[in-house]
Amino acid sequence: MTPASSAADTPASARNGYAARALAASVLGYAMDGFDLLILGFMLPVIAADLHLGSAQAGSLVTWTLIGAVAGGLIFGVLSDYYGRVRMLTWTILVFAVFTGLCALAQGYADLLVYRTVAGIGLGGEFGIGMTLVAEAWPAAQRARVSSYVGLGWQLGVLAAALLTPLLLPLIGWRGMFALGLLPAVASFFLRRRVEEPALFTERAACAGCR
């Protein structure tokens, strides 16, 4: 098998276009993560009142979302080394989107806890792989700067949640807010479909196939 062409053989315009798309996709993914976690915190009192949850049950929704995120980071991080960054990122978005949507349909504590935990797995997987994708897409001299841009995506998501939740929660309720949380996931999914695997990953995969 012939190894994949190196990044140096790729025209600069194509490399720059790919790197920009990878950065945009990762920033949007981080914004999605920040938005989701903060709206959950804002909505806990309303969810608890509607589903008749105790304070411990309400708090556990956040706890298990974070536990799921840790598990997702570990699981999808390993899988991305074998099956590709972009492929696994697509799966993390699908997992997050489906189970965030199911949160809007939850009828009680048990099913909402399961939905939040699995959504957290998708969220954590996206969080870890997004930074790796950017690091592999950009030249070493620019990685520190663009990595900080990815981190800003989280802050943008948090800011959006802080501004929108007080306005929209009284109008559409917590179920509507979970449905609204699907929008950045859908946008991120379609954006990432335009992002190929980074050259570093394809070259390593090709070299592994030669052994």
Protein backbone atom coordinates (compact mmCIF):
# COMPACT_ATOMS: atom_id res chain seq x y z
CA MET A 1 0.00 0.00 0.00
CA THR A 2 1.28 3.46 -0.89
CA PRO A 3 1.36 5.90 2.05
CA ALA A 4 -0.97 8.87 1.85
CA SER A 5 0.49 12.09 0.49
CA SER A 6 2.00 14.26 3.18
CA ALA A 7 0.54 17.60 4.21
CA ALA A 8 3.51 19.27 2.57
CA ASP A 9 2.37 17.96 -0.84
CA THR A 10 -1.06 19.58 -0.43
CA PRO A 11 -1.61 23.05 -1.92
CA ALA A 12 -1.50 25.79 0.72
CA SER A 13 -5.01 27.02 -0.15
CA ALA A 14 -6.45 23.53 0.37
CA ARG A 15 -4.60 23.09 3.67
CA ASN A 16 -5.77 26.50 4.91
CA GLY A 17 -9.36 25.80 3.87
CA TYR A 18 -9.36 22.43 5.62
CA ALA A 19 -7.77 23.87 8.77
CA ALA A 20 -10.36 26.66 8.90
CA ARG A 21 -13.23 24.18 8.55
CA ALA A 22 -11.77 21.98 11.28
CA LEU A 23 -11.42 25.00 13.56
CA ALA A 24 -14.98 26.19 12.89
CA ALA A 25 -16.37 22.72 13.53
CA SER A 26 -14.48 22.36 16.81
CA VAL A 27 -15.41 25.84 18.04
CA LEU A 28 -19.08 25.13 17.33
CA GLY A 29 -18.82 21.80 19.12
CA TYR A 30 -17.31 23.40 22.21
CA ALA A 31 -20.02 26.07 22.14
CA MET A 32 -22.60 23.29 22.01
CA ASP A 33 -21.06 21.70 25.11
CA GLY A 34 -20.98 24.93 27.09
CA PHE A 35 -24.54 25.83 26.09
CA ASP A 36 -25.89 22.42 27.10
CA LEU A 37 -24.28 22.27 30.52
CA LEU A 38 -25.26 25.79 31.51
CA ILE A 39 -28.89 25.56 30.43
CA LEU A 40 -29.18 22.37 32.49
CA GLY A 41 -28.03 24.27 35.56
CA PHE A 42 -30.50 27.07 34.91
CA MET A 43 -33.38 24.66 34.35
CA LEU A 44 -32.88 22.37 37.35
CA PRO A 45 -35.39 24.16 39.63
CA VAL A 46 -38.07 24.09 36.91
CA ILE A 47 -37.38 20.44 36.03
CA ALA A 48 -37.43 19.46 39.71
CA ALA A 49 -40.77 21.18 40.24
CA ASP A 50 -42.35 19.67 37.13
CA LEU A 51 -41.13 16.10 37.69
CA HIS A 52 -41.37 16.27 41.51
CA LEU A 53 -37.66 15.63 42.08
CA GLY A 54 -35.83 15.99 45.34
CA SER A 55 -32.73 18.18 45.58
CA ALA A 56 -30.43 15.14 45.48
CA GLN A 57 -32.14 13.81 42.38
CA ALA A 58 -31.96 17.18 40.63
CA GLY A 59 -28.28 17.54 41.46
CA SER A 60 -27.52 14.04 40.23
CA LEU A 61 -28.65 15.05 36.73
CA VAL A 62 -25.61 17.33 36.52
CA THR A 63 -23.34 14.83 38.25
CA TRP A 64 -24.19 11.99 35.87
CA THR A 65 -23.92 14.27 32.85
CA LEU A 66 -20.33 14.97 33.92
CA ILE A 67 -19.63 11.30 34.66
CA GLY A 68 -20.91 10.48 31.19
CA ALA A 69 -18.67 13.20 29.75
CA VAL A 70 -15.58 11.68 31.38
CA ALA A 71 -16.52 8.23 30.09
CA GLY A 72 -17.22 9.62 26.62
CA GLY A 73 -13.85 11.36 26.49
CA LEU A 74 -12.07 8.10 27.33
CA ILE A 75 -14.14 5.86 25.05
CA PHE A 76 -14.28 8.04 21.97
CA GLY A 77 -10.70 9.20 22.43
CA VAL A 78 -9.49 5.62 22.05
CA LEU A 79 -11.90 4.87 19.21
CA SER A 80 -10.77 7.96 17.31
CA ASP A 81 -7.23 6.59 17.20
CA TYR A 82 -8.50 3.53 15.37
CA TYR A 83 -11.45 4.75 13.31
CA GLY A 84 -10.69 8.42 12.67
CA ARG A 85 -11.25 11.78 14.34
CA VAL A 86 -14.04 13.03 12.11
CA ARG A 87 -15.91 9.72 12.04
CA MET A 88 -15.97 9.50 15.82
CA LEU A 89 -16.84 13.19 16.14
CA THR A 90 -19.86 12.55 13.94
CA TRP A 91 -20.94 9.73 16.20
CA THR A 92 -20.50 11.83 19.34
CA ILE A 93 -22.75 14.53 17.86
CA LEU A 94 -25.39 11.97 16.92
CA VAL A 95 -25.33 10.46 20.42
CA PHE A 96 -25.55 13.89 22.01
CA ALA A 97 -28.31 15.09 19.69
CA VAL A 98 -30.54 12.02 19.99
CA PHE A 99 -30.38 11.83 23.77
CA THR A 100 -30.72 15.58 24.26
CA GLY A 101 -33.88 15.38 22.18
CA LEU A 102 -35.12 12.50 24.31
CA CYS A 103 -34.63 14.67 27.42
CA ALA A 104 -37.46 16.85 26.12
CA LEU A 105 -39.73 13.79 26.24
CA ALA A 106 -38.72 12.55 29.70
CA GLN A 107 -41.58 11.53 31.97
CA GLY A 108 -39.71 11.07 35.23
CA TYR A 109 -36.40 10.96 37.03
CA ALA A 110 -35.22 7.54 35.85
CA ASP A 111 -35.53 8.09 32.11
CA LEU A 112 -34.23 11.67 32.31
CA LEU A 113 -31.17 10.45 34.24
CA VAL A 114 -30.42 7.86 31.54
CA TYR A 115 -30.86 10.41 28.75
CA ARG A 116 -28.60 12.94 30.46
CA THR A 117 -25.89 10.36 31.16
CA VAL A 118 -25.79 9.12 27.56
CA ALA A 119 -25.94 12.67 26.21
CA GLY A 120 -22.97 13.39 28.47
CA ILE A 121 -21.06 10.54 26.82
CA GLY A 122 -21.54 12.19 23.45
CA LEU A 123 -20.68 15.59 24.87
CA GLY A 124 -17.44 14.37 26.46
CA GLY A 125 -16.38 12.52 23.33
CA GLU A 126 -16.84 15.64 21.24
CA PHE A 127 -14.99 17.76 23.78
CA GLY A 128 -11.85 15.64 23.68
CA ILE A 129 -11.64 14.89 19.98
CA GLY A 130 -12.37 18.45 18.85
CA MET A 131 -9.13 19.80 20.30
CA THR A 132 -7.17 16.88 18.83
CA LEU A 133 -8.64 17.53 15.39
CA VAL A 134 -7.57 21.17 15.47
CA ALA A 135 -4.10 20.30 16.74
CA GLU A 136 -3.59 17.88 13.85
CA ALA A 137 -5.06 20.21 11.23
CA TRP A 138 -2.95 23.29 11.99
CA PRO A 139 0.84 23.78 11.75
CA ALA A 140 2.77 23.46 15.00
CA ALA A 141 3.62 27.17 15.06
CA GLN A 142 -0.09 28.10 15.16
CA ARG A 143 -1.50 25.38 17.40
CA ALA A 144 -1.35 27.32 20.67
CA ARG A 145 -3.26 30.25 19.18
CA VAL A 146 -5.97 28.22 17.44
CA SER A 147 -6.38 25.98 20.50
CA SER A 148 -7.27 29.10 22.48
CA TYR A 149 -9.91 29.88 19.85
CA VAL A 150 -11.44 26.45 20.44
CA GLY A 151 -11.57 27.19 24.16
CA LEU A 152 -13.40 30.43 23.39
CA GLY A 153 -16.14 28.33 21.80
CA TRP A 154 -17.03 27.06 25.28
CA GLN A 155 -17.29 30.62 26.57
CA LEU A 156 -19.53 31.59 23.66
CA GLY A 157 -21.84 28.69 24.44
CA VAL A 158 -21.99 29.65 28.11
CA LEU A 159 -22.71 33.28 27.18
CA ALA A 160 -25.47 32.23 24.78
CA ALA A 161 -27.06 30.08 27.48
CA ALA A 162 -26.85 32.89 30.05
CA LEU A 163 -28.53 35.33 27.65
CA LEU A 164 -31.15 33.06 26.10
CA THR A 165 -32.32 30.91 28.99
CA PRO A 166 -33.94 33.72 31.06
CA LEU A 167 -35.72 34.91 27.93
CA LEU A 168 -36.86 31.59 26.48
CA LEU A 169 -37.43 29.35 29.50
CA PRO A 170 -40.66 31.15 30.56
CA LEU A 171 -41.94 30.91 26.97
CA ILE A 172 -41.04 27.38 25.85
CA GLY A 173 -40.38 25.59 29.13
CA TRP A 174 -37.56 23.20 29.95
CA ARG A 175 -38.67 20.71 27.32
CA GLY A 176 -38.48 23.40 24.66
CA MET A 177 -35.02 24.38 25.89
CA PHE A 178 -33.77 20.83 25.43
CA ALA A 179 -35.24 20.86 21.94
CA LEU A 180 -33.48 24.18 21.29
CA GLY A 181 -30.23 22.58 22.39
CA LEU A 182 -30.48 20.32 19.35
CA LEU A 183 -29.90 23.21 16.95
CA PRO A 184 -26.14 23.68 17.51
CA ALA A 185 -25.71 19.91 17.42
CA VAL A 186 -27.44 19.70 14.03
CA ALA A 187 -25.37 22.62 12.69
CA SER A 188 -22.18 21.03 13.98
CA PHE A 189 -23.09 17.69 12.40
CA PHE A 190 -23.54 19.17 8.93
CA LEU A 191 -20.42 21.32 9.25
CA ARG A 192 -18.31 18.33 10.21
CA ARG A 193 -19.52 16.40 7.21
CA ARG A 194 -17.40 18.85 5.19
CA VAL A 195 -14.27 18.12 7.23
CA GLU A 196 -11.97 15.29 6.16
CA GLU A 197 -9.65 13.31 8.38
CA PRO A 198 -6.47 15.28 9.20
CA ALA A 199 -3.40 14.41 7.16
CA LEU A 200 -1.47 13.30 10.26
CA PHE A 201 -4.10 10.66 10.98
CA THR A 202 -4.38 9.37 7.41
CA GLU A 203 -0.61 9.13 7.08
CA ARG A 204 -0.31 7.15 10.32
CA ALA A 205 -3.16 4.87 9.24
CA ALA A 206 -1.51 4.29 5.86
CA CYS A 207 1.83 3.50 7.45
CA ALA A 208 0.17 1.08 9.86
CA GLY A 209 -1.42 -0.67 6.87
CA CYS A 210 2.01 -1.13 5.29
CA ARG A 211 3.30 -3.17 8.22
